[in-house]
PDB file of all heavy atoms in Angstrom:
ATOM      1  N   LEU A   1       3.060  -5.932  -0.499  1.00  0.00           N
ATOM      2  CA  LEU A   1       1.866  -5.379   0.135  1.00  0.00           C
ATOM      3  C   LEU A   1       2.186  -4.049   0.794  1.00  0.00           C
ATOM      4  O   LEU A   1       2.000  -3.853   1.993  1.00  0.00           O
ATOM      5  CB  LEU A   1       1.285  -6.365   1.149  1.00  0.00           C
ATOM      6  CG  LEU A   1       0.719  -7.673   0.596  1.00  0.00           C
ATOM      7  CD1 LEU A   1       0.139  -8.520   1.716  1.00  0.00           C
ATOM      8  CD2 LEU A   1      -0.346  -7.403  -0.479  1.00  0.00           C
ATOM      9  N   GLY A   2       2.698  -3.126  -0.003  1.00  0.00           N
ATOM     10  CA  GLY A   2       2.952  -1.791   0.512  1.00  0.00           C
ATOM     11  C   GLY A   2       4.331  -1.628   1.106  1.00  0.00           C
ATOM     12  O   GLY A   2       5.259  -2.370   0.774  1.00  0.00           O
ATOM     13  N   VAL A   3       4.478  -0.672   1.993  1.00  0.00           N
ATOM     14  CA  VAL A   3       5.775  -0.379   2.598  1.00  0.00           C
ATOM     15  C   VAL A   3       6.211  -1.535   3.495  1.00  0.00           C
ATOM     16  O   VAL A   3       5.408  -2.377   3.888  1.00  0.00           O
ATOM     17  CB  VAL A   3       5.721   0.934   3.406  1.00  0.00           C
ATOM     18  CG1 VAL A   3       5.412   2.107   2.501  1.00  0.00           C
ATOM     19  CG2 VAL A   3       4.699   0.851   4.536  1.00  0.00           C
ATOM     20  N   ASN A   4       7.503  -1.552   3.830  1.00  0.00           N
ATOM     21  CA  ASN A   4       8.037  -2.629   4.659  1.00  0.00           C
ATOM     22  C   ASN A   4       7.409  -2.602   6.050  1.00  0.00           C
ATOM     23  O   ASN A   4       6.767  -1.626   6.457  1.00  0.00           O
ATOM     24  CB  ASN A   4       9.562  -2.544   4.739  1.00  0.00           C
ATOM     25  CG  ASN A   4      10.052  -1.277   5.420  1.00  0.00           C
ATOM     26  OD1 ASN A   4       9.856  -1.071   6.616  1.00  0.00           O
ATOM     27  ND2 ASN A   4      10.695  -0.394   4.658  1.00  0.00           N
ATOM     28  N   ALA A   5       7.569  -3.693   6.782  1.00  0.00           N
ATOM     29  CA  ALA A   5       6.876  -3.887   8.055  1.00  0.00           C
ATOM     30  C   ALA A   5       7.189  -2.798   9.073  1.00  0.00           C
ATOM     31  O   ALA A   5       6.295  -2.312   9.780  1.00  0.00           O
ATOM     32  CB  ALA A   5       7.225  -5.259   8.629  1.00  0.00           C
ATOM     33  N   GLN A   6       8.454  -2.400   9.171  1.00  0.00           N
ATOM     34  CA  GLN A   6       8.826  -1.354  10.131  1.00  0.00           C
ATOM     35  C   GLN A   6       8.131  -0.038   9.791  1.00  0.00           C
ATOM     36  O   GLN A   6       7.548   0.619  10.661  1.00  0.00           O
ATOM     37  CB  GLN A   6      10.343  -1.151  10.147  1.00  0.00           C
ATOM     38  CG  GLN A   6      10.807  -0.109  11.160  1.00  0.00           C
ATOM     39  CD  GLN A   6      12.282   0.244  11.032  1.00  0.00           C
ATOM     40  OE1 GLN A   6      12.841   0.223   9.925  1.00  0.00           O
ATOM     41  NE2 GLN A   6      12.919   0.553  12.139  1.00  0.00           N
ATOM     42  N   PHE A   7       8.189   0.332   8.541  1.00  0.00           N
ATOM     43  CA  PHE A   7       7.560   1.565   8.058  1.00  0.00           C
ATOM     44  C   PHE A   7       6.049   1.510   8.324  1.00  0.00           C
ATOM     45  O   PHE A   7       5.447   2.469   8.810  1.00  0.00           O
ATOM     46  CB  PHE A   7       7.849   1.706   6.570  1.00  0.00           C
ATOM     47  CG  PHE A   7       7.668   3.083   5.989  1.00  0.00           C
ATOM     48  CD1 PHE A   7       8.197   3.377   4.740  1.00  0.00           C
ATOM     49  CD2 PHE A   7       6.980   4.084   6.652  1.00  0.00           C
ATOM     50  CE1 PHE A   7       8.040   4.625   4.165  1.00  0.00           C
ATOM     51  CE2 PHE A   7       6.816   5.354   6.090  1.00  0.00           C
ATOM     52  CZ  PHE A   7       7.344   5.612   4.839  1.00  0.00           C
ATOM     53  N   PHE A   8       5.441   0.385   8.021  1.00  0.00           N
ATOM     54  CA  PHE A   8       3.994   0.241   8.186  1.00  0.00           C
ATOM     55  C   PHE A   8       3.571   0.391   9.645  1.00  0.00           C
ATOM     56  O   PHE A   8       2.602   1.095   9.957  1.00  0.00           O
ATOM     57  CB  PHE A   8       3.547  -1.117   7.645  1.00  0.00           C
ATOM     58  CG  PHE A   8       2.087  -1.401   7.834  1.00  0.00           C
ATOM     59  CD1 PHE A   8       1.126  -0.636   7.203  1.00  0.00           C
ATOM     60  CD2 PHE A   8       1.673  -2.443   8.657  1.00  0.00           C
ATOM     61  CE1 PHE A   8      -0.235  -0.899   7.382  1.00  0.00           C
ATOM     62  CE2 PHE A   8       0.326  -2.717   8.842  1.00  0.00           C
ATOM     63  CZ  PHE A   8      -0.630  -1.936   8.206  1.00  0.00           C
ATOM     64  N   GLU A   9       4.285  -0.254  10.539  1.00  0.00           N
ATOM     65  CA  GLU A   9       3.922  -0.180  11.959  1.00  0.00           C
ATOM     66  C   GLU A   9       4.077   1.239  12.495  1.00  0.00           C
ATOM     67  O   GLU A   9       3.263   1.700  13.305  1.00  0.00           O
ATOM     68  CB  GLU A   9       4.777  -1.158  12.757  1.00  0.00           C
ATOM     69  CG  GLU A   9       4.447  -2.623  12.503  1.00  0.00           C
ATOM     70  CD  GLU A   9       2.987  -2.966  12.784  1.00  0.00           C
ATOM     71  OE1 GLU A   9       2.416  -2.407  13.760  1.00  0.00           O
ATOM     72  OE2 GLU A   9       2.410  -3.761  12.027  1.00  0.00           O
ATOM     73  N   ILE A  10       5.101   1.934  12.048  1.00  0.00           N
ATOM     74  CA  ILE A  10       5.293   3.326  12.476  1.00  0.00           C
ATOM     75  C   ILE A  10       4.161   4.195  11.930  1.00  0.00           C
ATOM     76  O   ILE A  10       3.617   5.051  12.632  1.00  0.00           O
ATOM     77  CB  ILE A  10       6.664   3.846  12.009  1.00  0.00           C
ATOM     78  CG1 ILE A  10       7.778   3.117  12.782  1.00  0.00           C
ATOM     79  CG2 ILE A  10       6.774   5.353  12.200  1.00  0.00           C
ATOM     80  CD1 ILE A  10       9.163   3.367  12.237  1.00  0.00           C
ATOM     81  N   ALA A  11       3.790   3.964  10.672  1.00  0.00           N
ATOM     82  CA  ALA A  11       2.695   4.722  10.062  1.00  0.00           C
ATOM     83  C   ALA A  11       1.386   4.485  10.808  1.00  0.00           C
ATOM     84  O   ALA A  11       0.637   5.427  11.096  1.00  0.00           O
ATOM     85  CB  ALA A  11       2.553   4.347   8.590  1.00  0.00           C
ATOM     86  N   LYS A  12       1.110   3.221  11.138  1.00  0.00           N
ATOM     87  CA  LYS A  12      -0.100   2.903  11.888  1.00  0.00           C
ATOM     88  C   LYS A  12      -0.089   3.590  13.247  1.00  0.00           C
ATOM     89  O   LYS A  12      -1.094   4.164  13.683  1.00  0.00           O
ATOM     90  CB  LYS A  12      -0.219   1.390  12.074  1.00  0.00           C
ATOM     91  CG  LYS A  12      -0.599   0.626  10.822  1.00  0.00           C
ATOM     92  CD  LYS A  12      -2.079   0.750  10.503  1.00  0.00           C
ATOM     93  CE  LYS A  12      -2.913  -0.027  11.491  1.00  0.00           C
ATOM     94  NZ  LYS A  12      -4.352  -0.050  11.104  1.00  0.00           N
ATOM     95  N   GLY A  13       1.044   3.534  13.909  1.00  0.00           N
ATOM     96  CA  GLY A  13       1.155   4.148  15.222  1.00  0.00           C
ATOM     97  C   GLY A  13       1.037   5.657  15.192  1.00  0.00           C
ATOM     98  O   GLY A  13       0.579   6.277  16.163  1.00  0.00           O
ATOM     99  N   THR A  14       1.432   6.250  14.092  1.00  0.00           N
ATOM    100  CA  THR A  14       1.356   7.698  13.944  1.00  0.00           C
ATOM    101  C   THR A  14      -0.058   8.146  13.615  1.00  0.00           C
ATOM    102  O   THR A  14      -0.415   9.310  13.829  1.00  0.00           O
ATOM    103  CB  THR A  14       2.328   8.166  12.843  1.00  0.00           C
ATOM    104  OG1 THR A  14       3.638   7.661  13.116  1.00  0.00           O
ATOM    105  CG2 THR A  14       2.405   9.682  12.767  1.00  0.00           C
ATOM    106  N   GLY A  15      -0.850   7.228  13.068  1.00  0.00           N
ATOM    107  CA  GLY A  15      -2.231   7.548  12.737  1.00  0.00           C
ATOM    108  C   GLY A  15      -2.428   8.145  11.366  1.00  0.00           C
ATOM    109  O   GLY A  15      -3.426   8.839  11.127  1.00  0.00           O
ATOM    110  N   VAL A  16      -1.508   7.867  10.441  1.00  0.00           N
ATOM    111  CA  VAL A  16      -1.691   8.377   9.083  1.00  0.00           C
ATOM    112  C   VAL A  16      -2.820   7.623   8.381  1.00  0.00           C
ATOM    113  O   VAL A  16      -3.154   6.489   8.745  1.00  0.00           O
ATOM    114  CB  VAL A  16      -0.399   8.245   8.243  1.00  0.00           C
ATOM    115  CG1 VAL A  16       0.748   8.972   8.908  1.00  0.00           C
ATOM    116  CG2 VAL A  16      -0.033   6.784   8.000  1.00  0.00           C
ATOM    117  N   ARG A  17      -3.394   8.251   7.373  1.00  0.00           N
ATOM    118  CA  ARG A  17      -4.378   7.594   6.530  1.00  0.00           C
ATOM    119  C   ARG A  17      -3.653   6.899   5.378  1.00  0.00           C
ATOM    120  O   ARG A  17      -2.641   7.399   4.883  1.00  0.00           O
ATOM    121  CB  ARG A  17      -5.380   8.603   5.964  1.00  0.00           C
ATOM    122  CG  ARG A  17      -6.235   9.261   7.037  1.00  0.00           C
ATOM    123  CD  ARG A  17      -7.268  10.191   6.409  1.00  0.00           C
ATOM    124  NE  ARG A  17      -6.638  11.270   5.667  1.00  0.00           N
ATOM    125  CZ  ARG A  17      -6.944  11.604   4.407  1.00  0.00           C
ATOM    126  NH1 ARG A  17      -7.865  10.919   3.736  1.00  0.00           N
ATOM    127  NH2 ARG A  17      -6.336  12.606   3.811  1.00  0.00           N
ATOM    128  N   PHE A  18      -4.177   5.761   4.972  1.00  0.00           N
ATOM    129  CA  PHE A  18      -3.569   4.994   3.896  1.00  0.00           C
ATOM    130  C   PHE A  18      -4.408   5.064   2.624  1.00  0.00           C
ATOM    131  O   PHE A  18      -5.633   5.143   2.670  1.00  0.00           O
ATOM    132  CB  PHE A  18      -3.425   3.521   4.292  1.00  0.00           C
ATOM    133  CG  PHE A  18      -2.457   3.264   5.406  1.00  0.00           C
ATOM    134  CD1 PHE A  18      -2.903   3.113   6.716  1.00  0.00           C
ATOM    135  CD2 PHE A  18      -1.095   3.182   5.155  1.00  0.00           C
ATOM    136  CE1 PHE A  18      -2.013   2.866   7.752  1.00  0.00           C
ATOM    137  CE2 PHE A  18      -0.199   2.939   6.179  1.00  0.00           C
ATOM    138  CZ  PHE A  18      -0.654   2.783   7.481  1.00  0.00           C
ATOM    139  N   SER A  19      -3.729   5.011   1.488  1.00  0.00           N
ATOM    140  CA  SER A  19      -4.384   4.716   0.215  1.00  0.00           C
ATOM    141  C   SER A  19      -3.816   3.395  -0.283  1.00  0.00           C
ATOM    142  O   SER A  19      -2.734   2.967   0.143  1.00  0.00           O
ATOM    143  CB  SER A  19      -4.135   5.815  -0.814  1.00  0.00           C
ATOM    144  OG  SER A  19      -2.787   5.789  -1.269  1.00  0.00           O
ATOM    145  N   THR A  20      -4.550   2.741  -1.154  1.00  0.00           N
ATOM    146  CA  THR A  20      -4.094   1.482  -1.725  1.00  0.00           C
ATOM    147  C   THR A  20      -4.054   1.610  -3.236  1.00  0.00           C
ATOM    148  O   THR A  20      -4.968   2.165  -3.851  1.00  0.00           O
ATOM    149  CB  THR A  20      -5.026   0.324  -1.325  1.00  0.00           C
ATOM    150  OG1 THR A  20      -6.383   0.657  -1.654  1.00  0.00           O
ATOM    151  CG2 THR A  20      -4.940   0.063   0.171  1.00  0.00           C
ATOM    152  N   GLY A  21      -2.984   1.095  -3.844  1.00  0.00           N
ATOM    153  CA  GLY A  21      -2.851   1.205  -5.290  1.00  0.00           C
ATOM    154  C   GLY A  21      -2.009   0.087  -5.863  1.00  0.00           C
ATOM    155  O   GLY A  21      -0.984  -0.295  -5.291  1.00  0.00           O
ATOM    156  N   SER A  22      -2.450  -0.454  -6.972  1.00  0.00           N
ATOM    157  CA  SER A  22      -1.728  -1.557  -7.613  1.00  0.00           C
ATOM    158  C   SER A  22      -0.554  -1.075  -8.455  1.00  0.00           C
ATOM    159  O   SER A  22       0.334  -1.860  -8.771  1.00  0.00           O
ATOM    160  CB  SER A  22      -2.683  -2.342  -8.513  1.00  0.00           C
ATOM    161  OG  SER A  22      -3.146  -1.529  -9.591  1.00  0.00           O
ATOM    162  N   ASP A  23      -0.548   0.215  -8.818  1.00  0.00           N
ATOM    163  CA  ASP A  23       0.456   0.734  -9.753  1.00  0.00           C
ATOM    164  C   ASP A  23       0.390  -0.019 -11.082  1.00  0.00           C
ATOM    165  O   ASP A  23       1.409  -0.211 -11.758  1.00  0.00           O
ATOM    166  CB  ASP A  23       1.857   0.640  -9.162  1.00  0.00           C
ATOM    167  CG  ASP A  23       2.783   1.748  -9.660  1.00  0.00           C
ATOM    168  OD1 ASP A  23       2.467   2.354 -10.701  1.00  0.00           O
ATOM    169  OD2 ASP A  23       3.819   1.977  -9.016  1.00  0.00           O
ATOM    170  N   ALA A  24      -0.812  -0.458 -11.443  1.00  0.00           N
ATOM    171  CA  ALA A  24      -0.996  -1.227 -12.674  1.00  0.00           C
ATOM    172  C   ALA A  24      -0.629  -0.389 -13.890  1.00  0.00           C
ATOM    173  O   ALA A  24      -0.983   0.782 -13.985  1.00  0.00           O
ATOM    174  CB  ALA A  24      -2.444  -1.691 -12.782  1.00  0.00           C
ATOM    175  N   HIS A  25       0.084  -1.025 -14.826  1.00  0.00           N
ATOM    176  CA  HIS A  25       0.394  -0.404 -16.111  1.00  0.00           C
ATOM    177  C   HIS A  25      -0.283  -1.154 -17.253  1.00  0.00           C
ATOM    178  O   HIS A  25      -0.021  -0.888 -18.425  1.00  0.00           O
ATOM    179  CB  HIS A  25       1.897  -0.345 -16.330  1.00  0.00           C
ATOM    180  CG  HIS A  25       2.584   0.744 -15.556  1.00  0.00           C
ATOM    181  ND1 HIS A  25       2.660   0.737 -14.176  1.00  0.00           N
ATOM    182  CD2 HIS A  25       3.209   1.879 -15.956  1.00  0.00           C
ATOM    183  CE1 HIS A  25       3.325   1.819 -13.772  1.00  0.00           C
ATOM    184  NE2 HIS A  25       3.659   2.527 -14.832  1.00  0.00           N
ATOM    185  N   CYS A  26      -1.133  -2.111 -16.898  1.00  0.00           N
ATOM    186  CA  CYS A  26      -1.913  -2.845 -17.886  1.00  0.00           C
ATOM    187  C   CYS A  26      -3.229  -3.257 -17.243  1.00  0.00           C
ATOM    188  O   CYS A  26      -3.343  -3.317 -16.011  1.00  0.00           O
ATOM    189  CB  CYS A  26      -1.164  -4.065 -18.407  1.00  0.00           C
ATOM    190  SG  CYS A  26      -0.747  -5.286 -17.146  1.00  0.00           S
ATOM    191  N   VAL A  27      -4.212  -3.529 -18.060  1.00  0.00           N
ATOM    192  CA  VAL A  27      -5.548  -3.867 -17.555  1.00  0.00           C
ATOM    193  C   VAL A  27      -5.502  -5.068 -16.624  1.00  0.00           C
ATOM    194  O   VAL A  27      -6.184  -5.099 -15.589  1.00  0.00           O
ATOM    195  CB  VAL A  27      -6.498  -4.136 -18.739  1.00  0.00           C
ATOM    196  CG1 VAL A  27      -7.835  -4.663 -18.249  1.00  0.00           C
ATOM    197  CG2 VAL A  27      -6.692  -2.866 -19.565  1.00  0.00           C
ATOM    198  N   GLU A  28      -4.677  -6.053 -16.955  1.00  0.00           N
ATOM    199  CA  GLU A  28      -4.641  -7.300 -16.196  1.00  0.00           C
ATOM    200  C   GLU A  28      -4.255  -7.104 -14.733  1.00  0.00           C
ATOM    201  O   GLU A  28      -4.618  -7.915 -13.873  1.00  0.00           O
ATOM    202  CB  GLU A  28      -3.676  -8.287 -16.855  1.00  0.00           C
ATOM    203  CG  GLU A  28      -4.115  -8.800 -18.210  1.00  0.00           C
ATOM    204  CD  GLU A  28      -3.965  -7.790 -19.335  1.00  0.00           C
ATOM    205  OE1 GLU A  28      -3.211  -6.793 -19.162  1.00  0.00           O
ATOM    206  OE2 GLU A  28      -4.609  -7.971 -20.391  1.00  0.00           O
ATOM    207  N   ASP A  29      -3.515  -6.048 -14.435  1.00  0.00           N
ATOM    208  CA  ASP A  29      -3.025  -5.837 -13.070  1.00  0.00           C
ATOM    209  C   ASP A  29      -3.936  -4.960 -12.212  1.00  0.00           C
ATOM    210  O   ASP A  29      -3.632  -4.714 -11.036  1.00  0.00           O
ATOM    211  CB  ASP A  29      -1.624  -5.230 -13.109  1.00  0.00           C
ATOM    212  CG  ASP A  29      -0.570  -6.243 -13.509  1.00  0.00           C
ATOM    213  OD1 ASP A  29      -0.835  -7.455 -13.395  1.00  0.00           O
ATOM    214  OD2 ASP A  29       0.524  -5.820 -13.956  1.00  0.00           O
ATOM    215  N   VAL A  30      -5.027  -4.490 -12.750  1.00  0.00           N
ATOM    216  CA  VAL A  30      -5.956  -3.671 -11.971  1.00  0.00           C
ATOM    217  C   VAL A  30      -6.464  -4.472 -10.766  1.00  0.00           C
ATOM    218  O   VAL A  30      -6.905  -5.615 -10.897  1.00  0.00           O
ATOM    219  CB  VAL A  30      -7.147  -3.216 -12.839  1.00  0.00           C
ATOM    220  CG1 VAL A  30      -8.226  -2.572 -11.975  1.00  0.00           C
ATOM    221  CG2 VAL A  30      -6.677  -2.259 -13.917  1.00  0.00           C
ATOM    222  N   GLY A  31      -6.363  -3.900  -9.605  1.00  0.00           N
ATOM    223  CA  GLY A  31      -6.845  -4.551  -8.383  1.00  0.00           C
ATOM    224  C   GLY A  31      -5.924  -5.604  -7.812  1.00  0.00           C
ATOM    225  O   GLY A  31      -6.267  -6.256  -6.813  1.00  0.00           O
ATOM    226  N   LYS A  32      -4.740  -5.752  -8.376  1.00  0.00           N
ATOM    227  CA  LYS A  32      -3.805  -6.791  -7.924  1.00  0.00           C
ATOM    228  C   LYS A  32      -3.423  -6.584  -6.460  1.00  0.00           C
ATOM    229  O   LYS A  32      -2.903  -5.544  -6.075  1.00  0.00           O
ATOM    230  CB  LYS A  32      -2.556  -6.779  -8.799  1.00  0.00           C
ATOM    231  CG  LYS A  32      -1.540  -7.853  -8.468  1.00  0.00           C
ATOM    232  CD  LYS A  32      -0.352  -7.784  -9.425  1.00  0.00           C
ATOM    233  CE  LYS A  32       0.690  -8.856  -9.106  1.00  0.00           C
ATOM    234  NZ  LYS A  32       1.852  -8.770 -10.042  1.00  0.00           N
ATOM    235  N   HIS A  33      -3.727  -7.584  -5.635  1.00  0.00           N
ATOM    236  CA  HIS A  33      -3.401  -7.607  -4.195  1.00  0.00           C
ATOM    237  C   HIS A  33      -4.103  -6.512  -3.391  1.00  0.00           C
ATOM    238  O   HIS A  33      -3.734  -6.275  -2.222  1.00  0.00           O
ATOM    239  CB  HIS A  33      -1.892  -7.514  -3.973  1.00  0.00           C
ATOM    240  CG  HIS A  33      -1.106  -8.633  -4.577  1.00  0.00           C
ATOM    241  ND1 HIS A  33      -1.477  -9.964  -4.440  1.00  0.00           N
ATOM    242  CD2 HIS A  33       0.028  -8.631  -5.352  1.00  0.00           C
ATOM    243  CE1 HIS A  33      -0.603 -10.718  -5.085  1.00  0.00           C
ATOM    244  NE2 HIS A  33       0.299  -9.943  -5.654  1.00  0.00           N
TER     245      HIS A  33
END
Protein backbone atom coordinates (compact mmCIF):
# COMPACT_ATOMS: atom_id res chain seq x y z
CA LEU A 1 0.00 0.00 0.00
CA GLY A 2 2.54 2.54 -1.14
CA VAL A 3 5.70 3.68 0.61
CA ASN A 4 6.75 2.21 3.95
CA ALA A 5 5.16 3.48 7.17
CA GLN A 6 8.02 5.79 8.17
CA PHE A 7 8.15 7.39 4.73
CA PHE A 8 4.36 7.76 4.65
CA GLU A 9 4.11 9.46 8.03
CA ILE A 10 6.88 11.91 7.12
CA ALA A 11 5.15 12.66 3.81
CA LYS A 12 1.84 13.27 5.58
CA GLY A 13 3.51 15.52 8.11
CA THR A 14 5.24 17.48 5.38
CA GLY A 15 1.94 18.05 3.60
CA VAL A 16 2.79 16.56 0.23
CA ARG A 17 0.03 15.60 -2.19
CA PHE A 18 -0.37 11.92 -3.00
CA SER A 19 -1.22 10.07 -6.18
CA THR A 20 -2.37 6.46 -6.22
CA GLY A 21 -1.37 3.91 -8.83
CA SER A 22 -1.57 0.15 -9.22
CA ASP A 23 1.40 -0.04 -11.63
CA ALA A 24 -0.76 -2.54 -13.51
CA HIS A 25 0.85 -4.25 -16.50
CA CYS A 26 -2.29 -6.20 -17.37
CA VAL A 27 -6.01 -5.46 -17.44
CA GLU A 28 -6.69 -7.70 -14.45
CA ASP A 29 -4.60 -5.52 -12.12
CA VAL A 30 -6.29 -2.20 -12.89
CA GLY A 31 -7.48 -0.65 -9.63
CA LYS A 32 -5.72 -3.24 -7.48
CA HIS A 33 -5.71 -2.04 -3.83
